Amino acid sequence: MSSDNKIHIDIKVSGSVQGVGFRYSARNMAISLGIKGSVKNLNNGEVFIEAEGNINQLSKYIEWCKSGPTFSKVENVDTFKGIVKNYQQFDIVR
């Protein structure tokens, strides 16, 4: 599989990840890596991210998610392979 192939992953981040700028930081990091998708808060306190890019971009992004922005305290990151939706940009969903 070439590193250019676009893949889709769903990422669930749990811990102290709401009210700490996680979505904004996740969006900025995604844009800097060339990843498309979306990020939103879930009612259970987790953050849910849909991310599309190549394996190298997504690997770096998942590593970032494991630490998150300065004031977050990430306890767990779960990833699930999904179906490519061909996002055109990276959005924060409210």
N, C-alpha and C. Protein backbone atom coordinates (compact mmCIF):
# COMPACT_ATOMS: atom_id res chain seq x y z
N MET A 1 0.85 -1.19 0.00
CA MET A 1 0.00 0.00 0.00
C MET A 1 0.89 1.24 0.00
N SER A 2 0.65 2.12 -0.92
CA SER A 2 1.44 3.34 -1.02
C SER A 2 1.05 4.32 0.08
N SER A 3 2.00 5.15 0.52
CA SER A 3 1.70 6.12 1.58
C SER A 3 0.80 7.24 1.06
N ASP A 4 0.51 7.25 -0.25
CA ASP A 4 -0.38 8.28 -0.80
C ASP A 4 -1.85 7.90 -0.69
N ASN A 5 -2.14 6.64 -0.41
CA ASN A 5 -3.53 6.21 -0.35
C ASN A 5 -4.25 6.87 0.82
N LYS A 6 -5.41 7.46 0.53
CA LYS A 6 -6.17 8.13 1.57
C LYS A 6 -6.92 7.08 2.38
N ILE A 7 -6.81 7.21 3.70
CA ILE A 7 -7.58 6.34 4.58
C ILE A 7 -8.36 7.20 5.57
N HIS A 8 -9.38 6.60 6.16
CA HIS A 8 -10.25 7.29 7.12
C HIS A 8 -10.14 6.57 8.45
N ILE A 9 -9.91 7.34 9.50
CA ILE A 9 -9.96 6.76 10.83
C ILE A 9 -10.85 7.61 11.72
N ASP A 10 -11.58 6.93 12.59
CA ASP A 10 -12.34 7.57 13.65
C ASP A 10 -11.50 7.47 14.91
N ILE A 11 -11.42 8.57 15.64
CA ILE A 11 -10.59 8.62 16.84
C ILE A 11 -11.47 9.10 18.00
N LYS A 12 -11.48 8.32 19.07
CA LYS A 12 -12.17 8.75 20.30
C LYS A 12 -11.12 9.02 21.36
N VAL A 13 -11.15 10.25 21.90
CA VAL A 13 -10.18 10.66 22.91
C VAL A 13 -10.93 10.89 24.21
N SER A 14 -10.47 10.22 25.28
CA SER A 14 -11.13 10.41 26.58
C SER A 14 -10.13 10.94 27.60
N GLY A 15 -10.68 11.49 28.66
CA GLY A 15 -9.88 12.13 29.71
C GLY A 15 -10.45 13.52 29.94
N SER A 16 -9.60 14.44 30.39
CA SER A 16 -10.01 15.85 30.54
C SER A 16 -9.74 16.53 29.21
N VAL A 17 -10.69 16.38 28.27
CA VAL A 17 -10.46 16.84 26.90
C VAL A 17 -11.54 17.81 26.40
N GLN A 18 -12.45 18.20 27.29
CA GLN A 18 -13.43 19.23 26.91
C GLN A 18 -13.20 20.46 27.78
N GLY A 19 -13.41 21.64 27.18
CA GLY A 19 -13.20 22.89 27.90
C GLY A 19 -11.73 23.28 28.03
N VAL A 20 -10.88 22.63 27.25
CA VAL A 20 -9.42 22.91 27.33
C VAL A 20 -8.84 23.27 25.97
N GLY A 21 -9.71 23.57 24.99
CA GLY A 21 -9.24 23.95 23.66
C GLY A 21 -8.84 22.77 22.80
N PHE A 22 -9.29 21.56 23.18
CA PHE A 22 -8.87 20.37 22.43
C PHE A 22 -9.33 20.41 20.98
N ARG A 23 -10.61 20.77 20.75
CA ARG A 23 -11.11 20.77 19.37
C ARG A 23 -10.35 21.76 18.49
N TYR A 24 -10.08 22.96 19.01
CA TYR A 24 -9.36 23.97 18.22
C TYR A 24 -7.94 23.52 17.93
N SER A 25 -7.28 22.96 18.95
CA SER A 25 -5.91 22.48 18.75
C SER A 25 -5.89 21.29 17.78
N ALA A 26 -6.90 20.40 17.90
CA ALA A 26 -6.98 19.24 17.01
C ALA A 26 -7.17 19.69 15.57
N ARG A 27 -7.99 20.72 15.37
CA ARG A 27 -8.21 21.26 14.03
C ARG A 27 -6.91 21.87 13.48
N ASN A 28 -6.24 22.68 14.29
CA ASN A 28 -5.00 23.32 13.84
C ASN A 28 -3.92 22.29 13.50
N MET A 29 -3.81 21.25 14.32
CA MET A 29 -2.81 20.21 14.07
C MET A 29 -3.16 19.46 12.78
N ALA A 30 -4.45 19.14 12.60
CA ALA A 30 -4.89 18.43 11.39
C ALA A 30 -4.55 19.25 10.14
N ILE A 31 -4.86 20.54 10.18
CA ILE A 31 -4.59 21.40 9.03
C ILE A 31 -3.08 21.45 8.75
N SER A 32 -2.28 21.54 9.81
CA SER A 32 -0.83 21.62 9.61
C SER A 32 -0.28 20.33 9.01
N LEU A 33 -0.95 19.20 9.26
CA LEU A 33 -0.50 17.91 8.71
C LEU A 33 -1.16 17.59 7.37
N GLY A 34 -2.11 18.42 6.93
CA GLY A 34 -2.80 18.16 5.67
C GLY A 34 -3.93 17.16 5.79
N ILE A 35 -4.46 16.99 7.00
CA ILE A 35 -5.55 16.04 7.24
C ILE A 35 -6.89 16.75 7.11
N LYS A 36 -7.85 16.05 6.51
CA LYS A 36 -9.22 16.57 6.37
C LYS A 36 -10.12 15.78 7.31
N GLY A 37 -11.26 16.39 7.71
CA GLY A 37 -12.20 15.68 8.57
C GLY A 37 -12.96 16.61 9.48
N SER A 38 -13.25 16.12 10.70
CA SER A 38 -14.00 16.94 11.66
C SER A 38 -13.70 16.49 13.08
N VAL A 39 -14.03 17.37 14.02
CA VAL A 39 -13.86 17.07 15.44
C VAL A 39 -15.07 17.62 16.18
N LYS A 40 -15.55 16.86 17.18
CA LYS A 40 -16.68 17.33 17.98
C LYS A 40 -16.61 16.75 19.38
N ASN A 41 -17.25 17.46 20.32
CA ASN A 41 -17.40 16.95 21.67
C ASN A 41 -18.57 15.97 21.71
N LEU A 42 -18.42 14.91 22.49
CA LEU A 42 -19.51 13.98 22.72
C LEU A 42 -20.12 14.24 24.09
N ASN A 43 -21.38 13.85 24.26
CA ASN A 43 -22.09 14.09 25.52
C ASN A 43 -21.44 13.38 26.71
N ASN A 44 -20.68 12.32 26.45
CA ASN A 44 -20.06 11.56 27.53
C ASN A 44 -18.71 12.14 27.97
N GLY A 45 -18.34 13.31 27.43
CA GLY A 45 -17.09 13.96 27.83
C GLY A 45 -15.91 13.65 26.93
N GLU A 46 -16.11 12.76 25.96
CA GLU A 46 -15.03 12.42 25.03
C GLU A 46 -15.04 13.38 23.85
N VAL A 47 -13.95 13.36 23.08
CA VAL A 47 -13.85 14.08 21.82
C VAL A 47 -13.81 13.04 20.71
N PHE A 48 -14.59 13.28 19.65
CA PHE A 48 -14.66 12.35 18.52
C PHE A 48 -14.11 13.04 17.28
N ILE A 49 -13.16 12.39 16.62
CA ILE A 49 -12.51 12.96 15.45
C ILE A 49 -12.66 12.00 14.28
N GLU A 50 -13.03 12.54 13.12
CA GLU A 50 -12.96 11.79 11.88
C GLU A 50 -11.81 12.41 11.10
N ALA A 51 -10.84 11.59 10.71
CA ALA A 51 -9.64 12.12 10.06
C ALA A 51 -9.33 11.31 8.80
N GLU A 52 -8.99 12.05 7.74
CA GLU A 52 -8.62 11.42 6.47
C GLU A 52 -7.29 11.96 5.98
N GLY A 53 -6.43 11.04 5.60
CA GLY A 53 -5.11 11.40 5.08
C GLY A 53 -4.37 10.13 4.77
N ASN A 54 -3.07 10.25 4.51
CA ASN A 54 -2.29 9.04 4.28
C ASN A 54 -1.79 8.49 5.62
N ILE A 55 -1.24 7.30 5.58
CA ILE A 55 -0.84 6.62 6.82
C ILE A 55 0.19 7.43 7.61
N ASN A 56 1.10 8.11 6.92
CA ASN A 56 2.11 8.91 7.62
C ASN A 56 1.49 10.09 8.35
N GLN A 57 0.57 10.81 7.67
CA GLN A 57 -0.11 11.94 8.30
C GLN A 57 -0.90 11.48 9.51
N LEU A 58 -1.66 10.40 9.34
CA LEU A 58 -2.53 9.93 10.41
C LEU A 58 -1.74 9.39 11.59
N SER A 59 -0.62 8.75 11.34
CA SER A 59 0.22 8.26 12.43
C SER A 59 0.71 9.41 13.30
N LYS A 60 1.16 10.48 12.66
CA LYS A 60 1.62 11.67 13.40
C LYS A 60 0.46 12.29 14.18
N TYR A 61 -0.72 12.32 13.56
CA TYR A 61 -1.89 12.92 14.19
C TYR A 61 -2.32 12.13 15.42
N ILE A 62 -2.34 10.81 15.31
CA ILE A 62 -2.72 9.96 16.45
C ILE A 62 -1.73 10.17 17.59
N GLU A 63 -0.45 10.27 17.26
CA GLU A 63 0.55 10.53 18.31
C GLU A 63 0.26 11.85 19.01
N TRP A 64 -0.10 12.89 18.24
CA TRP A 64 -0.44 14.18 18.85
C TRP A 64 -1.66 14.02 19.76
N CYS A 65 -2.66 13.28 19.30
CA CYS A 65 -3.90 13.10 20.09
C CYS A 65 -3.61 12.47 21.45
N LYS A 66 -2.57 11.67 21.54
CA LYS A 66 -2.25 10.99 22.80
C LYS A 66 -1.78 11.95 23.88
N SER A 67 -1.31 13.15 23.47
CA SER A 67 -0.93 14.15 24.45
C SER A 67 -1.87 15.35 24.42
N GLY A 68 -2.32 15.74 23.22
CA GLY A 68 -3.27 16.85 23.10
C GLY A 68 -2.64 18.19 23.43
N PRO A 69 -3.50 19.22 23.55
CA PRO A 69 -3.00 20.56 23.87
C PRO A 69 -2.57 20.65 25.34
N THR A 70 -1.93 21.75 25.68
CA THR A 70 -1.31 21.95 26.99
C THR A 70 -2.20 21.60 28.18
N PHE A 71 -3.45 22.07 28.19
CA PHE A 71 -4.27 21.94 29.40
C PHE A 71 -5.14 20.68 29.41
N SER A 72 -5.01 19.85 28.39
CA SER A 72 -5.79 18.61 28.38
C SER A 72 -5.06 17.53 29.15
N LYS A 73 -5.80 16.51 29.57
CA LYS A 73 -5.20 15.34 30.21
C LYS A 73 -5.82 14.12 29.53
N VAL A 74 -5.13 13.62 28.50
CA VAL A 74 -5.64 12.50 27.72
C VAL A 74 -5.40 11.21 28.50
N GLU A 75 -6.48 10.44 28.66
CA GLU A 75 -6.36 9.14 29.34
C GLU A 75 -6.35 7.99 28.34
N ASN A 76 -7.10 8.13 27.24
CA ASN A 76 -7.18 7.02 26.30
C ASN A 76 -7.48 7.54 24.89
N VAL A 77 -6.91 6.87 23.89
CA VAL A 77 -7.17 7.18 22.48
C VAL A 77 -7.51 5.87 21.79
N ASP A 78 -8.72 5.78 21.27
CA ASP A 78 -9.15 4.60 20.50
C ASP A 78 -9.27 4.99 19.04
N THR A 79 -8.80 4.14 18.14
CA THR A 79 -8.91 4.42 16.71
C THR A 79 -9.63 3.26 16.02
N PHE A 80 -10.43 3.62 15.04
CA PHE A 80 -11.20 2.65 14.26
C PHE A 80 -11.11 3.03 12.80
N LYS A 81 -10.82 2.07 11.96
CA LYS A 81 -10.77 2.35 10.52
C LYS A 81 -12.19 2.54 10.00
N GLY A 82 -12.39 3.54 9.16
CA GLY A 82 -13.72 3.84 8.63
C GLY A 82 -13.69 3.93 7.11
N ILE A 83 -14.80 4.33 6.56
CA ILE A 83 -14.95 4.47 5.11
C ILE A 83 -14.62 5.91 4.72
N VAL A 84 -13.79 6.08 3.70
CA VAL A 84 -13.38 7.42 3.25
C VAL A 84 -14.62 8.20 2.79
N LYS A 85 -14.75 9.42 3.34
CA LYS A 85 -15.88 10.29 3.01
C LYS A 85 -15.45 11.47 2.14
N ASN A 86 -14.16 11.56 1.84
CA ASN A 86 -13.62 12.64 1.01
C ASN A 86 -13.93 14.03 1.54
N TYR A 87 -13.63 14.24 2.80
CA TYR A 87 -13.75 15.59 3.38
C TYR A 87 -12.90 16.56 2.57
N GLN A 88 -13.36 17.78 2.46
CA GLN A 88 -12.63 18.81 1.71
C GLN A 88 -11.85 19.74 2.62
N GLN A 89 -12.15 19.73 3.90
CA GLN A 89 -11.47 20.59 4.85
C GLN A 89 -11.58 19.94 6.23
N PHE A 90 -11.15 20.64 7.28
CA PHE A 90 -11.27 20.10 8.63
C PHE A 90 -12.11 21.06 9.44
N ASP A 91 -13.23 20.56 9.94
CA ASP A 91 -14.22 21.40 10.63
C ASP A 91 -14.38 21.04 12.09
N ILE A 92 -14.72 22.04 12.89
CA ILE A 92 -15.17 21.80 14.25
C ILE A 92 -16.70 21.73 14.19
N VAL A 93 -17.25 20.63 14.68
CA VAL A 93 -18.70 20.44 14.70
C VAL A 93 -19.19 20.82 16.08
N ARG A 94 -20.19 21.71 16.10
CA ARG A 94 -20.72 22.15 17.40
C ARG A 94 -22.04 21.49 17.68
